[in-house]
Every structure is written in structure tokens, then in C-alpha cells.
Amino acid sequence: MERLSTAFELPCDVWLVIAIKVATNSIADLCRFRMTCCVTRDVGDEDTVLRMVAIPPPHEMNWLCTEIGHPELLFREALRELYIRRNHAIGWEMLQNAASNGVDAAKYALSMELLIRMDDSEDKKGLELFRTLEAGDLLPACYSSCFAVLIISWPDEVHMLKKGEEHTVCDLTRCMTRGHMGLLYDYRRRATERGSVHGVGGADHIRCIRCRVDYEVERYVDIPRV
């Protein structure tokens, strides 16, 4: 009796045909296909296959990223919707979803958005998110994640949320550092460009947490210029 071939014995060309067929159906199907075994994972990464992926319209990305279990992908698409495609309602919903699914970088971006909007109720939530991330020493990694998503676009394609000239999260009239974080950030950025050690440290030495928030907001909105 003739022995049937196992999946692992199929020629590479056959796997490519199968993978391309799956990819042209939907990106979700390709993700599931890649998780089947090591062979499908490798063939699913081929350039020939990836060029054929059917990308869904933006309004479908929210449920799709969640359905296939990729909150990190949801976070990246949220930033693109907010700052590149400028679909603010969709991007805002996706960002909140990614944050609720535990993506630290999404929590960071959400906190920045809330703090820039200067709404009293949202300001408190944004400050709480910032405090939690700072306590876990997660701010540098979260900033880097946002930077990595947005820096692949041309600077004039990225439209961050506008921050008013007099915008400060710190509203403490007796705070000695209030209103100076923009100057501190400019000093650090220029020092970094010169390769000076004074570019290191950020606002870590500032005692007021609201002023540290103001410094981080300066960094965040300046991502397209870095």
C-alpha cells in the first residue's frame, strides 16, 4: 500500500501556494496559519507571501488585532491612526483597547494624550497612569516603542496632538520648577545632539511629579523632530 506524504514532506512550492492563498484571504487567516507549525511559520514569513496579504480597512483593525491576539499590533495601528492617518476617533478607541489589554507603551501614549487634553477628569487618570509607569521604570522603554512606530514615517506625515504654549500639568503656584520643563527639554535635546553628557538624565532630578510629566509631554510631542 502506498504511503501518504506528511505535511512536512510537501515541497516548498506547494507550501508557498497554500500560504499565498491564505494571505490573500485575510491577515487574520495568515496569522493563524503561521501558528500551526514551524513549517507554516517559516513559509508565512516569505516576502512572496507577505506581499499578497489582504490588509483590512482601518475601521476593522480594532476587532481584528484583538481577535488574533496581538495587542501590540493594536497599539502600533492606534498610533498610526491617531498621528499619521489622523482618524482620531478610531485611533483613540484602539489605543484605549490596547492599554486595557496590558500594553505598557499604549498606557504611556494614553497618559500623554489625556494629560495634553487638559480635562480635569482625564488629567487625573493620565497622572495615575504616568505614576504607575514611572514607578516601574517603564517610561524609557514606552517612549522608545512610540518612537519606533512613528519614526519610520516622514516628519511632516506625523501630526502629534498640539500642546498650547502655556500648557503645564503642574498647577502648583509655589512649585519652583513649574513652567521650566520646555527649557529643560530643549537643553537636553541640544546636548544630546552635541554628544554631551548633559543630554542624559531627563527630568529625573525634578522633585515635582507634575513637572516630570510636563517634561515627558515635551518629549512625546517632539517625536517627529527627533
C-alpha atoms as a PDB file:
ATOM      1  CA  MET A   1       0.000   0.000   0.000  1.00  0.00           C
ATOM      2  CA  GLU A   2       1.399   3.389  -0.990  1.00  0.00           C
ATOM      3  CA  ARG A   3       2.336   5.586   1.956  1.00  0.00           C
ATOM      4  CA  LEU A   4       0.773   9.066   2.084  1.00  0.00           C
ATOM      5  CA  SER A   5       3.069  12.073   2.430  1.00  0.00           C
ATOM      6  CA  THR A   6       3.034  14.034   5.659  1.00  0.00           C
ATOM      7  CA  ALA A   7       2.668  17.803   5.698  1.00  0.00           C
ATOM      8  CA  PHE A   8       6.383  18.165   6.434  1.00  0.00           C
ATOM      9  CA  GLU A   9       7.257  16.338   3.227  1.00  0.00           C
ATOM     10  CA  LEU A  10       5.324  18.691   0.941  1.00  0.00           C
ATOM     11  CA  PRO A  11       7.556  20.631  -1.474  1.00  0.00           C
ATOM     12  CA  CYS A  12       8.261  24.257  -0.616  1.00  0.00           C
ATOM     13  CA  ASP A  13       6.463  25.430  -3.762  1.00  0.00           C
ATOM     14  CA  VAL A  14       3.274  23.752  -2.564  1.00  0.00           C
ATOM     15  CA  TRP A  15       3.526  25.432   0.827  1.00  0.00           C
ATOM     16  CA  LEU A  16       4.033  28.784  -0.894  1.00  0.00           C
ATOM     17  CA  VAL A  17       0.895  28.337  -2.984  1.00  0.00           C
ATOM     18  CA  ILE A  18      -1.099  27.438   0.130  1.00  0.00           C
ATOM     19  CA  ALA A  19       0.324  30.355   2.109  1.00  0.00           C
ATOM     20  CA  ILE A  20      -0.388  32.860  -0.676  1.00  0.00           C
ATOM     21  CA  LYS A  21      -3.968  31.628  -0.893  1.00  0.00           C
ATOM     22  CA  VAL A  22      -4.365  32.081   2.868  1.00  0.00           C
ATOM     23  CA  ALA A  23      -2.729  35.529   2.823  1.00  0.00           C
ATOM     24  CA  THR A  24      -4.975  36.823   0.053  1.00  0.00           C
ATOM     25  CA  ASN A  25      -7.999  35.823   2.116  1.00  0.00           C
ATOM     26  CA  SER A  26      -7.116  37.873   5.232  1.00  0.00           C
ATOM     27  CA  ILE A  27      -4.245  38.837   7.509  1.00  0.00           C
ATOM     28  CA  ALA A  28      -6.024  37.091  10.388  1.00  0.00           C
ATOM     29  CA  ASP A  29      -6.011  33.797   8.481  1.00  0.00           C
ATOM     30  CA  LEU A  30      -2.300  34.212   7.755  1.00  0.00           C
ATOM     31  CA  CYS A  31      -1.580  34.738  11.459  1.00  0.00           C
ATOM     32  CA  ARG A  32      -3.464  31.560  12.330  1.00  0.00           C
ATOM     33  CA  PHE A  33      -1.715  29.711   9.504  1.00  0.00           C
ATOM     34  CA  ARG A  34       1.725  30.753  10.807  1.00  0.00           C
ATOM     35  CA  MET A  35       0.900  29.457  14.303  1.00  0.00           C
ATOM     36  CA  THR A  36       0.121  25.939  13.014  1.00  0.00           C
ATOM     37  CA  CYS A  37       3.685  24.588  12.987  1.00  0.00           C
ATOM     38  CA  CYS A  38       7.302  25.552  12.323  1.00  0.00           C
ATOM     39  CA  VAL A  39       6.935  24.946   8.562  1.00  0.00           C
ATOM     40  CA  THR A  40       3.929  27.264   8.213  1.00  0.00           C
ATOM     41  CA  ARG A  41       5.661  29.833  10.402  1.00  0.00           C
ATOM     42  CA  ASP A  42       8.685  29.935   8.102  1.00  0.00           C
ATOM     43  CA  VAL A  43       6.766  29.953   4.835  1.00  0.00           C
ATOM     44  CA  GLY A  44       4.388  32.588   6.204  1.00  0.00           C
ATOM     45  CA  ASP A  45       7.356  34.959   6.581  1.00  0.00           C
ATOM     46  CA  GLU A  46       8.388  34.708   2.926  1.00  0.00           C
ATOM     47  CA  ASP A  47       8.368  38.030   1.044  1.00  0.00           C
ATOM     48  CA  THR A  48       6.314  36.435  -1.717  1.00  0.00           C
ATOM     49  CA  VAL A  49       3.584  35.667   0.799  1.00  0.00           C
ATOM     50  CA  LEU A  50       3.721  38.948   2.708  1.00  0.00           C
ATOM     51  CA  ARG A  51       3.319  40.957  -0.492  1.00  0.00           C
ATOM     52  CA  MET A  52      -0.037  39.234  -1.039  1.00  0.00           C
ATOM     53  CA  VAL A  53      -1.535  39.936   2.400  1.00  0.00           C
ATOM     54  CA  ALA A  54      -5.047  41.393   2.319  1.00  0.00           C
ATOM     55  CA  ILE A  55      -4.935  44.442   4.623  1.00  0.00           C
ATOM     56  CA  PRO A  56      -8.337  45.309   6.121  1.00  0.00           C
ATOM     57  CA  PRO A  57      -9.668  48.881   6.173  1.00  0.00           C
ATOM     58  CA  PRO A  58      -8.807  50.926   9.300  1.00  0.00           C
ATOM     59  CA  HIS A  59     -12.236  50.564  10.908  1.00  0.00           C
ATOM     60  CA  GLU A  60     -11.771  46.780  11.017  1.00  0.00           C
ATOM     61  CA  MET A  61      -8.284  46.818  12.576  1.00  0.00           C
ATOM     62  CA  ASN A  62      -9.584  47.226  16.134  1.00  0.00           C
ATOM     63  CA  TRP A  63     -11.518  43.969  16.350  1.00  0.00           C
ATOM     64  CA  LEU A  64      -9.070  42.150  14.083  1.00  0.00           C
ATOM     65  CA  CYS A  65      -5.995  42.834  16.215  1.00  0.00           C
ATOM     66  CA  THR A  66      -7.903  41.782  19.324  1.00  0.00           C
ATOM     67  CA  GLU A  67      -9.358  38.688  17.669  1.00  0.00           C
ATOM     68  CA  ILE A  68      -5.970  37.332  16.577  1.00  0.00           C
ATOM     69  CA  GLY A  69      -4.461  38.098  19.981  1.00  0.00           C
ATOM     70  CA  HIS A  70      -1.977  40.821  19.078  1.00  0.00           C
ATOM     71  CA  PRO A  71      -2.479  43.812  21.414  1.00  0.00           C
ATOM     72  CA  GLU A  72       0.998  45.068  20.393  1.00  0.00           C
ATOM     73  CA  LEU A  73      -0.193  45.258  16.797  1.00  0.00           C
ATOM     74  CA  LEU A  74      -3.298  47.078  18.029  1.00  0.00           C
ATOM     75  CA  PHE A  75      -1.060  49.617  19.790  1.00  0.00           C
ATOM     76  CA  ARG A  76       1.044  50.259  16.670  1.00  0.00           C
ATOM     77  CA  GLU A  77      -2.032  50.687  14.487  1.00  0.00           C
ATOM     78  CA  ALA A  78      -3.567  53.007  17.096  1.00  0.00           C
ATOM     79  CA  LEU A  79      -0.595  55.391  16.855  1.00  0.00           C
ATOM     80  CA  ARG A  80      -0.753  55.343  13.055  1.00  0.00           C
ATOM     81  CA  GLU A  81      -4.467  56.103  13.121  1.00  0.00           C
ATOM     82  CA  LEU A  82      -4.011  58.950  15.610  1.00  0.00           C
ATOM     83  CA  TYR A  83      -0.928  60.668  14.249  1.00  0.00           C
ATOM     84  CA  ILE A  84      -0.432  59.608  10.624  1.00  0.00           C
ATOM     85  CA  ARG A  85      -3.858  58.799   9.143  1.00  0.00           C
ATOM     86  CA  ARG A  86      -5.495  61.287  11.537  1.00  0.00           C
ATOM     87  CA  ASN A  87      -8.518  59.095  12.214  1.00  0.00           C
ATOM     88  CA  HIS A  88      -8.772  60.306  15.797  1.00  0.00           C
ATOM     89  CA  ALA A  89     -11.958  58.526  16.878  1.00  0.00           C
ATOM     90  CA  ILE A  90     -10.738  55.148  15.596  1.00  0.00           C
ATOM     91  CA  GLY A  91      -7.205  55.638  16.925  1.00  0.00           C
ATOM     92  CA  TRP A  92      -8.461  56.715  20.341  1.00  0.00           C
ATOM     93  CA  GLU A  93     -10.655  53.628  20.678  1.00  0.00           C
ATOM     94  CA  MET A  94      -7.823  51.344  19.551  1.00  0.00           C
ATOM     95  CA  LEU A  95      -5.352  52.949  21.964  1.00  0.00           C
ATOM     96  CA  GLN A  96      -7.706  52.509  24.908  1.00  0.00           C
ATOM     97  CA  ASN A  97      -8.274  48.886  23.897  1.00  0.00           C
ATOM     98  CA  ALA A  98      -4.535  48.182  23.676  1.00  0.00           C
ATOM     99  CA  ALA A  99      -3.958  49.820  27.067  1.00  0.00           C
ATOM    100  CA  SER A 100      -6.732  47.758  28.655  1.00  0.00           C
ATOM    101  CA  ASN A 101      -5.058  44.649  27.210  1.00  0.00           C
ATOM    102  CA  GLY A 102      -1.902  45.421  29.194  1.00  0.00           C
ATOM    103  CA  VAL A 103       0.402  47.040  26.630  1.00  0.00           C
ATOM    104  CA  ASP A 104       2.606  49.396  28.649  1.00  0.00           C
ATOM    105  CA  ALA A 105       3.505  51.568  25.654  1.00  0.00           C
ATOM    106  CA  ALA A 106      -0.211  52.031  24.967  1.00  0.00           C
ATOM    107  CA  LYS A 107      -0.739  53.107  28.584  1.00  0.00           C
ATOM    108  CA  TYR A 108       2.087  55.603  28.140  1.00  0.00           C
ATOM    109  CA  ALA A 109       0.652  57.071  24.931  1.00  0.00           C
ATOM    110  CA  LEU A 110      -2.796  57.157  26.521  1.00  0.00           C
ATOM    111  CA  SER A 111      -1.453  59.031  29.543  1.00  0.00           C
ATOM    112  CA  MET A 112       0.239  61.589  27.280  1.00  0.00           C
ATOM    113  CA  GLU A 113      -2.981  62.104  25.322  1.00  0.00           C
ATOM    114  CA  LEU A 114      -5.030  62.536  28.490  1.00  0.00           C
ATOM    115  CA  LEU A 115      -2.567  64.978  30.034  1.00  0.00           C
ATOM    116  CA  ILE A 116      -2.280  67.119  26.907  1.00  0.00           C
ATOM    117  CA  ARG A 117      -6.063  67.426  26.601  1.00  0.00           C
ATOM    118  CA  MET A 118      -6.172  69.257  29.930  1.00  0.00           C
ATOM    119  CA  ASP A 119      -9.553  67.923  31.012  1.00  0.00           C
ATOM    120  CA  ASP A 120      -9.798  67.752  34.817  1.00  0.00           C
ATOM    121  CA  SER A 121     -11.345  64.272  34.894  1.00  0.00           C
ATOM    122  CA  GLU A 122      -8.927  62.889  32.275  1.00  0.00           C
ATOM    123  CA  ASP A 123      -5.931  64.643  33.826  1.00  0.00           C
ATOM    124  CA  LYS A 124      -6.271  62.570  36.984  1.00  0.00           C
ATOM    125  CA  LYS A 125      -6.369  59.292  35.051  1.00  0.00           C
ATOM    126  CA  GLY A 126      -3.419  60.338  32.916  1.00  0.00           C
ATOM    127  CA  LEU A 127      -1.382  61.218  36.013  1.00  0.00           C
ATOM    128  CA  GLU A 128      -2.184  57.861  37.613  1.00  0.00           C
ATOM    129  CA  LEU A 129      -1.024  56.002  34.501  1.00  0.00           C
ATOM    130  CA  PHE A 130       2.173  58.060  34.395  1.00  0.00           C
ATOM    131  CA  ARG A 131       2.848  57.444  38.086  1.00  0.00           C
ATOM    132  CA  THR A 132       2.471  53.674  37.655  1.00  0.00           C
ATOM    133  CA  LEU A 133       4.778  53.541  34.629  1.00  0.00           C
ATOM    134  CA  GLU A 134       7.374  55.754  36.300  1.00  0.00           C
ATOM    135  CA  ALA A 135       7.348  53.591  39.443  1.00  0.00           C
ATOM    136  CA  GLY A 136       8.050  50.543  37.282  1.00  0.00           C
ATOM    137  CA  ASP A 137      10.875  52.358  35.442  1.00  0.00           C
ATOM    138  CA  LEU A 138       8.964  51.771  32.203  1.00  0.00           C
ATOM    139  CA  LEU A 139       8.966  55.299  30.748  1.00  0.00           C
ATOM    140  CA  PRO A 140      12.149  54.952  28.624  1.00  0.00           C
ATOM    141  CA  ALA A 141      11.009  51.686  27.028  1.00  0.00           C
ATOM    142  CA  CYS A 142       7.497  53.038  26.407  1.00  0.00           C
ATOM    143  CA  TYR A 143       8.840  56.195  24.774  1.00  0.00           C
ATOM    144  CA  SER A 144      11.142  54.088  22.594  1.00  0.00           C
ATOM    145  CA  SER A 145       8.199  51.944  21.474  1.00  0.00           C
ATOM    146  CA  CYS A 146       6.216  55.017  20.389  1.00  0.00           C
ATOM    147  CA  PHE A 147       9.295  56.487  18.740  1.00  0.00           C
ATOM    148  CA  ALA A 148       9.928  53.262  16.784  1.00  0.00           C
ATOM    149  CA  VAL A 149       6.377  53.253  15.370  1.00  0.00           C
ATOM    150  CA  LEU A 150       6.323  56.907  14.324  1.00  0.00           C
ATOM    151  CA  ILE A 151       9.911  57.473  13.205  1.00  0.00           C
ATOM    152  CA  ILE A 152       9.501  55.247  10.123  1.00  0.00           C
ATOM    153  CA  SER A 153       7.317  57.973   8.569  1.00  0.00           C
ATOM    154  CA  TRP A 154       8.479  61.310   7.174  1.00  0.00           C
ATOM    155  CA  PRO A 155       8.347  64.035   9.865  1.00  0.00           C
ATOM    156  CA  ASP A 156       5.682  66.031   8.027  1.00  0.00           C
ATOM    157  CA  GLU A 157       3.444  62.948   7.897  1.00  0.00           C
ATOM    158  CA  VAL A 158       3.247  62.697  11.687  1.00  0.00           C
ATOM    159  CA  HIS A 159       0.791  65.070  13.353  1.00  0.00           C
ATOM    160  CA  MET A 160       1.035  64.895  17.127  1.00  0.00           C
ATOM    161  CA  LEU A 161      -1.605  66.398  19.383  1.00  0.00           C
ATOM    162  CA  LYS A 162      -0.982  70.146  19.719  1.00  0.00           C
ATOM    163  CA  LYS A 163       0.213  71.430  23.065  1.00  0.00           C
ATOM    164  CA  GLY A 164      -0.563  75.020  23.968  1.00  0.00           C
ATOM    165  CA  GLU A 165       2.282  77.487  24.559  1.00  0.00           C
ATOM    166  CA  GLU A 166       1.301  77.909  28.209  1.00  0.00           C
ATOM    167  CA  HIS A 167       0.382  74.256  28.725  1.00  0.00           C
ATOM    168  CA  THR A 168       1.534  72.889  32.086  1.00  0.00           C
ATOM    169  CA  VAL A 169       0.247  69.923  34.029  1.00  0.00           C
ATOM    170  CA  CYS A 170       1.839  71.419  37.145  1.00  0.00           C
ATOM    171  CA  ASP A 171      -0.548  73.972  38.615  1.00  0.00           C
ATOM    172  CA  LEU A 172       1.189  74.408  41.957  1.00  0.00           C
ATOM    173  CA  THR A 173       1.819  78.130  42.395  1.00  0.00           C
ATOM    174  CA  ARG A 174       4.678  77.548  44.868  1.00  0.00           C
ATOM    175  CA  CYS A 175       6.485  74.981  42.686  1.00  0.00           C
ATOM    176  CA  MET A 176       9.944  76.352  41.813  1.00  0.00           C
ATOM    177  CA  THR A 177      10.260  74.281  38.608  1.00  0.00           C
ATOM    178  CA  ARG A 178       6.804  74.959  37.206  1.00  0.00           C
ATOM    179  CA  GLY A 179       6.855  76.258  33.611  1.00  0.00           C
ATOM    180  CA  HIS A 180      10.536  75.478  33.028  1.00  0.00           C
ATOM    181  CA  MET A 181      10.298  71.965  31.577  1.00  0.00           C
ATOM    182  CA  GLY A 182      10.205  73.172  27.982  1.00  0.00           C
ATOM    183  CA  LEU A 183      13.529  74.937  28.507  1.00  0.00           C
ATOM    184  CA  LEU A 184      14.996  71.892  30.235  1.00  0.00           C
ATOM    185  CA  TYR A 185      13.896  69.617  27.403  1.00  0.00           C
ATOM    186  CA  ASP A 186      15.400  71.918  24.755  1.00  0.00           C
ATOM    187  CA  TYR A 187      18.671  71.990  26.721  1.00  0.00           C
ATOM    188  CA  ARG A 188      18.768  68.173  26.997  1.00  0.00           C
ATOM    189  CA  ARG A 189      17.927  67.691  23.319  1.00  0.00           C
ATOM    190  CA  ARG A 190      20.639  70.061  22.108  1.00  0.00           C
ATOM    191  CA  ALA A 191      23.157  68.496  24.475  1.00  0.00           C
ATOM    192  CA  THR A 192      22.287  65.079  23.063  1.00  0.00           C
ATOM    193  CA  GLU A 193      22.789  66.350  19.519  1.00  0.00           C
ATOM    194  CA  ARG A 194      26.285  67.547  20.522  1.00  0.00           C
ATOM    195  CA  GLY A 195      27.059  64.233  22.171  1.00  0.00           C
ATOM    196  CA  SER A 196      27.327  65.902  25.568  1.00  0.00           C
ATOM    197  CA  VAL A 197      26.783  64.029  28.831  1.00  0.00           C
ATOM    198  CA  HIS A 198      24.320  66.777  29.794  1.00  0.00           C
ATOM    199  CA  GLY A 199      21.825  65.199  27.396  1.00  0.00           C
ATOM    200  CA  VAL A 200      21.393  62.285  29.820  1.00  0.00           C
ATOM    201  CA  GLY A 201      19.025  62.217  32.770  1.00  0.00           C
ATOM    202  CA  GLY A 202      15.872  63.878  31.508  1.00  0.00           C
ATOM    203  CA  ALA A 203      13.901  65.296  34.422  1.00  0.00           C
ATOM    204  CA  ASP A 204      14.814  62.570  36.919  1.00  0.00           C
ATOM    205  CA  HIS A 205      16.223  65.133  39.350  1.00  0.00           C
ATOM    206  CA  ILE A 206      12.980  67.177  39.428  1.00  0.00           C
ATOM    207  CA  ARG A 207      11.087  66.569  42.671  1.00  0.00           C
ATOM    208  CA  CYS A 208       7.636  67.631  41.422  1.00  0.00           C
ATOM    209  CA  ILE A 209       5.916  64.727  39.638  1.00  0.00           C
ATOM    210  CA  ARG A 210       3.697  67.107  37.670  1.00  0.00           C
ATOM    211  CA  CYS A 211       6.764  68.873  36.326  1.00  0.00           C
ATOM    212  CA  ARG A 212       8.243  65.500  35.379  1.00  0.00           C
ATOM    213  CA  VAL A 213       5.010  64.866  33.499  1.00  0.00           C
ATOM    214  CA  ASP A 214       5.413  68.211  31.712  1.00  0.00           C
ATOM    215  CA  TYR A 215       8.918  67.191  30.658  1.00  0.00           C
ATOM    216  CA  GLU A 216       7.674  63.861  29.317  1.00  0.00           C
ATOM    217  CA  VAL A 217       4.898  65.611  27.385  1.00  0.00           C
ATOM    218  CA  GLU A 218       7.570  67.810  25.763  1.00  0.00           C
ATOM    219  CA  ARG A 219       9.470  64.713  24.675  1.00  0.00           C
ATOM    220  CA  TYR A 220       6.371  62.975  23.384  1.00  0.00           C
ATOM    221  CA  VAL A 221       5.040  65.757  21.166  1.00  0.00           C
ATOM    222  CA  ASP A 222       8.561  66.348  19.795  1.00  0.00           C
ATOM    223  CA  ILE A 223       8.961  62.788  18.431  1.00  0.00           C
ATOM    224  CA  PRO A 224       8.608  63.862  14.757  1.00  0.00           C
ATOM    225  CA  ARG A 225      11.516  66.330  15.127  1.00  0.00           C
ATOM    226  CA  VAL A 226      13.949  63.961  16.843  1.00  0.00           C
END
